[in-house]
Amino acid sequence: MTQLLVDSPDGATCRDVFGILFREIAHRGGERLFLRLREDDPLVRIAASCGFTKYGEETLLAGPKVSFPGVSTESVREVKPVDEHDLFRLYNASTPSRARFALGMTADQWRAAREPAGWRTREYIYRQDDAAQGWAQVIRKGRSAILTLMSHPNADDAIPALVTHAMSRSWGVGNWYVLTGDHQGRLQALMGQRGHWEVARYVTMARAITSPVTVAEARRAVRISGLNPAVDLSERYQSSTREKSYAARNS
């Protein structure tokens, strides 16, 4: 599942829904359940009471297509299957330990926890010194696109090169969004200097699922989000903004 909708933040109802999900996920062999919720969502408190642990915060930025003149993009190319091991090493180097503990400490766990990529997804890798120093993913839906990145702490040019390369190859995008983790202060600062601004903040939570299944079955993970992953974050933000504007005009 990639979406959780409830018509009211009633605690009892939400706990019942979570209970059903826990049983279904355990039956299917899943071992972890992930949530992404707006930081002011009443479900954050309810989820915590149901055993979810917060492991990170995210900020959604919005703004124009940008580039970083003078930064070479020669080291950027599309991701290939052979890059997976290097990307896992980059994940370990660039992700805080609390997030790695929730998302996965092994390559199999990390692979299972990654958000699914659709057919309109492009992934890029930045390589220097025969190693992955950065990664970017662009997910498009209509004229909107959302960009997420990882970069090695010591690779100063990774972010500018990846942003420039990824955005320059996404023709027809009218609305750009960048989803940043709370540990990505440099990315937030660089995008802010290029005219991007904060539009929403999210918390990410995880809960382990006890499942009486075989080890092979337990390797699978199931992700569920308070909002659809990737570009749907921007759509929900746009919808919320339109509703507030309409209410203000008719008040």
Protein backbone atom coordinates (compact mmCIF):
# COMPACT_ATOMS: atom_id res chain seq x y z
CA MET A 1 0.00 0.00 0.00
CA THR A 2 1.11 3.59 -0.59
CA GLN A 3 -1.75 5.58 0.90
CA LEU A 4 -3.66 5.73 4.17
CA LEU A 5 -6.86 7.76 4.28
CA VAL A 6 -9.05 8.26 7.34
CA ASP A 7 -12.11 10.51 7.44
CA SER A 8 -11.45 11.63 11.01
CA PRO A 9 -8.51 11.57 13.44
CA ASP A 10 -10.49 9.48 15.92
CA GLY A 11 -7.97 7.54 18.00
CA ALA A 12 -10.01 4.36 18.39
CA THR A 13 -10.77 4.13 14.68
CA CYS A 14 -7.14 4.69 13.69
CA ARG A 15 -5.90 2.10 16.17
CA ASP A 16 -8.38 -0.41 14.73
CA VAL A 17 -7.12 0.36 11.22
CA PHE A 18 -3.50 -0.04 12.31
CA GLY A 19 -4.37 -3.33 13.99
CA ILE A 20 -5.86 -4.67 10.77
CA LEU A 21 -2.80 -3.53 8.83
CA PHE A 22 -0.39 -5.12 11.30
CA ARG A 23 -2.17 -8.49 11.00
CA GLU A 24 -2.39 -8.33 7.21
CA ILE A 25 1.26 -7.33 6.81
CA ALA A 26 2.38 -10.09 9.18
CA HIS A 27 0.30 -12.59 7.23
CA ARG A 28 2.00 -11.51 4.00
CA GLY A 29 5.48 -11.77 5.50
CA GLY A 30 6.25 -8.07 5.85
CA GLU A 31 8.55 -7.04 8.67
CA ARG A 32 8.25 -3.23 8.80
CA LEU A 33 5.60 -0.56 8.26
CA PHE A 34 6.57 3.01 7.33
CA LEU A 35 4.60 6.24 7.61
CA ARG A 36 5.15 9.71 6.22
CA LEU A 37 2.83 12.26 7.85
CA ARG A 38 2.59 16.03 7.98
CA GLU A 39 4.15 17.13 11.25
CA ASP A 40 0.87 18.64 12.47
CA ASP A 41 -1.22 15.58 11.58
CA PRO A 42 -3.10 14.14 14.62
CA LEU A 43 -2.08 10.69 13.34
CA VAL A 44 1.50 11.35 14.50
CA ARG A 45 0.47 11.08 18.15
CA ILE A 46 -1.85 8.14 17.49
CA ALA A 47 0.82 6.28 15.53
CA ALA A 48 3.30 6.75 18.38
CA SER A 49 0.80 5.18 20.78
CA CYS A 50 0.56 2.21 18.39
CA GLY A 51 4.27 1.49 18.50
CA PHE A 52 5.60 3.66 15.68
CA THR A 53 8.94 5.37 16.27
CA LYS A 54 9.91 8.64 14.63
CA TYR A 55 13.20 8.32 12.77
CA GLY A 56 13.39 11.53 10.78
CA GLU A 57 11.90 14.77 9.53
CA GLU A 58 11.53 15.97 5.96
CA THR A 59 10.99 19.36 4.36
CA LEU A 60 9.29 19.79 1.01
CA LEU A 61 10.67 22.69 -1.02
CA ALA A 62 9.09 24.23 -4.12
CA GLY A 63 10.56 26.49 -6.75
CA PRO A 64 11.76 26.92 -10.31
CA LYS A 65 14.06 24.83 -12.44
CA VAL A 66 17.61 25.72 -11.41
CA SER A 67 21.19 25.13 -12.49
CA PHE A 68 24.64 25.74 -11.07
CA PRO A 69 26.78 27.34 -13.81
CA GLY A 70 30.41 26.36 -13.75
CA VAL A 71 29.79 22.95 -12.16
CA SER A 72 30.68 20.03 -14.42
CA THR A 73 28.08 17.28 -14.91
CA GLU A 74 30.44 14.92 -16.73
CA SER A 75 30.52 12.59 -13.72
CA VAL A 76 26.72 12.17 -13.74
CA ARG A 77 24.93 9.39 -15.62
CA GLU A 78 21.82 7.26 -15.29
CA VAL A 79 21.89 4.51 -12.68
CA LYS A 80 22.65 0.98 -13.86
CA PRO A 81 21.99 -2.33 -12.04
CA VAL A 82 25.73 -2.70 -11.38
CA ASP A 83 25.62 0.47 -9.25
CA GLU A 84 23.48 -1.03 -6.50
CA HIS A 85 26.36 -2.03 -4.20
CA ASP A 86 27.98 1.41 -4.51
CA LEU A 87 24.63 3.09 -3.82
CA PHE A 88 24.24 1.06 -0.65
CA ARG A 89 27.68 2.23 0.48
CA LEU A 90 26.64 5.82 -0.29
CA TYR A 91 23.46 5.30 1.73
CA ASN A 92 25.55 4.19 4.72
CA ALA A 93 27.86 7.19 4.40
CA SER A 94 25.16 9.83 3.91
CA THR A 95 22.26 8.68 6.11
CA PRO A 96 22.07 9.23 9.91
CA SER A 97 22.31 6.10 12.02
CA ARG A 98 18.79 6.49 13.45
CA ALA A 99 17.34 6.45 9.92
CA ARG A 100 19.52 3.51 8.85
CA PHE A 101 18.37 1.57 11.90
CA ALA A 102 14.74 2.09 10.82
CA LEU A 103 15.19 1.70 7.06
CA GLY A 104 17.65 -1.14 7.15
CA MET A 105 21.20 -1.98 8.18
CA THR A 106 21.72 -4.63 5.49
CA ALA A 107 21.59 -4.31 1.72
CA ASP A 108 18.45 -6.50 1.55
CA GLN A 109 16.64 -4.39 4.15
CA TRP A 110 17.64 -1.14 2.44
CA ARG A 111 16.51 -2.47 -0.94
CA ALA A 112 13.14 -3.55 0.46
CA ALA A 113 12.55 -0.22 2.21
CA ARG A 114 13.17 1.96 -0.83
CA GLU A 115 10.08 3.66 -2.18
CA PRO A 116 8.89 2.03 -5.41
CA ALA A 117 9.87 3.73 -8.66
CA GLY A 118 7.36 3.99 -11.47
CA TRP A 119 7.86 4.14 -15.22
CA ARG A 120 8.19 7.95 -15.11
CA THR A 121 11.12 7.76 -12.74
CA ARG A 122 14.72 8.58 -13.59
CA GLU A 123 17.71 7.90 -11.33
CA TYR A 124 21.17 9.42 -11.68
CA ILE A 125 24.50 8.67 -10.06
CA TYR A 126 27.46 10.97 -9.49
CA ARG A 127 30.76 9.07 -9.52
CA GLN A 128 34.17 10.36 -8.48
CA ASP A 129 37.33 8.40 -7.66
CA ASP A 130 35.65 5.19 -8.84
CA ALA A 131 32.91 5.44 -6.20
CA ALA A 132 29.34 6.69 -5.92
CA GLN A 133 29.44 10.16 -4.37
CA GLY A 134 25.84 11.18 -5.06
CA TRP A 135 22.46 9.95 -6.27
CA ALA A 136 19.31 11.68 -7.47
CA GLN A 137 15.82 10.50 -8.32
CA VAL A 138 13.23 12.41 -10.35
CA ILE A 139 9.61 11.27 -10.33
CA ARG A 140 7.26 13.01 -12.73
CA LYS A 141 3.50 13.27 -12.82
CA GLY A 142 2.09 15.60 -15.42
CA ARG A 143 3.90 18.94 -15.25
CA SER A 144 5.10 18.34 -11.69
CA ALA A 145 8.26 16.57 -10.57
CA ILE A 146 9.85 15.82 -7.24
CA LEU A 147 13.57 15.45 -6.72
CA THR A 148 15.28 13.52 -3.92
CA LEU A 149 19.03 13.20 -3.40
CA MET A 150 21.79 11.52 -1.45
CA SER A 151 25.30 12.94 -1.37
CA HIS A 152 28.53 11.98 0.35
CA PRO A 153 29.47 14.51 3.07
CA ASN A 154 32.85 15.12 1.41
CA ALA A 155 31.60 15.49 -2.17
CA ASP A 156 31.06 19.24 -2.50
CA ASP A 157 30.11 19.18 -6.18
CA ALA A 158 27.69 16.24 -5.99
CA ILE A 159 24.56 18.26 -5.18
CA PRO A 160 25.07 21.06 -7.76
CA ALA A 161 26.00 18.55 -10.47
CA LEU A 162 23.06 16.24 -9.79
CA VAL A 163 20.50 19.04 -9.53
CA THR A 164 21.73 20.66 -12.75
CA HIS A 165 21.84 17.37 -14.67
CA ALA A 166 18.50 16.03 -13.41
CA MET A 167 16.53 19.23 -13.98
CA SER A 168 18.05 19.90 -17.39
CA ARG A 169 16.88 16.49 -18.59
CA SER A 170 13.31 16.83 -17.34
CA TRP A 171 11.64 18.74 -20.14
CA GLY A 172 8.20 20.25 -19.68
CA VAL A 173 8.22 20.37 -15.88
CA GLY A 174 6.40 23.44 -14.59
CA ASN A 175 6.42 22.72 -10.85
CA TRP A 176 9.60 21.50 -9.14
CA TYR A 177 9.62 20.07 -5.63
CA VAL A 178 12.63 18.88 -3.64
CA LEU A 179 12.13 16.53 -0.69
CA THR A 180 14.96 16.98 1.82
CA GLY A 181 15.81 15.16 5.03
CA ASP A 182 16.55 16.96 8.28
CA HIS A 183 20.24 16.05 7.85
CA GLN A 184 20.48 17.70 4.41
CA GLY A 185 21.09 21.27 5.49
CA ARG A 186 23.45 22.02 2.62
CA LEU A 187 20.91 20.87 0.03
CA GLN A 188 18.24 23.05 1.65
CA ALA A 189 20.59 26.05 1.69
CA LEU A 190 21.66 25.64 -1.94
CA MET A 191 18.07 25.31 -3.15
CA GLY A 192 17.04 28.30 -1.02
CA GLN A 193 19.72 30.38 -2.73
CA ARG A 194 18.18 29.41 -6.07
CA GLY A 195 14.67 30.56 -5.17
CA HIS A 196 13.14 27.48 -3.56
CA TRP A 197 11.02 27.84 -0.42
CA GLU A 198 9.53 25.56 2.22
CA VAL A 199 5.95 24.47 1.61
CA ALA A 200 5.45 21.57 4.03
CA ARG A 201 7.15 19.55 6.76
CA TYR A 202 6.75 15.82 7.39
CA VAL A 203 7.77 13.25 9.97
CA THR A 204 8.79 9.73 9.04
CA MET A 205 7.95 6.84 11.35
CA ALA A 206 8.48 3.10 11.38
CA ARG A 207 7.19 0.09 13.27
CA ALA A 208 8.52 -3.46 13.33
CA ILE A 209 5.99 -6.19 12.59
CA THR A 210 6.19 -9.51 14.41
CA SER A 211 5.54 -12.23 11.87
CA PRO A 212 5.62 -16.01 12.41
CA VAL A 213 6.97 -16.68 8.93
CA THR A 214 10.11 -18.14 7.40
CA VAL A 215 13.28 -16.12 7.07
CA ALA A 216 12.90 -16.01 3.27
CA GLU A 217 9.37 -14.58 3.53
CA ALA A 218 10.38 -12.05 6.17
CA ARG A 219 12.81 -10.36 3.81
CA ARG A 220 9.95 -8.55 2.17
CA ALA A 221 8.92 -5.16 3.54
CA VAL A 222 5.68 -3.25 3.11
CA ARG A 223 5.56 0.54 3.00
CA ILE A 224 2.51 2.63 3.74
CA SER A 225 2.49 6.42 3.71
CA GLY A 226 0.19 9.02 5.13
CA LEU A 227 0.51 10.55 1.66
CA ASN A 228 1.33 8.96 -1.64
CA PRO A 229 5.10 8.83 -2.13
CA ALA A 230 7.13 11.20 -4.19
CA VAL A 231 5.34 13.65 -6.45
CA ASP A 232 1.96 13.11 -4.79
CA LEU A 233 3.36 15.05 -1.83
CA SER A 234 3.34 18.12 -4.04
CA GLU A 235 -0.17 17.38 -5.31
CA ARG A 236 -1.52 17.16 -1.77
CA TYR A 237 0.20 20.44 -0.92
CA GLN A 238 -1.30 22.12 -4.00
CA SER A 239 -4.77 20.78 -3.18
CA SER A 240 -4.52 22.05 0.42
CA THR A 241 -3.42 25.49 -0.81
CA ARG A 242 -6.34 25.73 -3.24
CA GLU A 243 -8.84 24.74 -0.52
CA LYS A 244 -7.50 27.41 1.86
CA SER A 245 -7.63 30.04 -0.89
CA TYR A 246 -11.22 29.13 -1.79
CA ALA A 247 -12.30 29.27 1.87
CA ALA A 248 -10.70 32.69 2.31
CA ARG A 249 -12.49 34.11 -0.74
CA ASN A 250 -15.86 32.83 0.46
CA SER A 251 -15.56 33.78 4.14
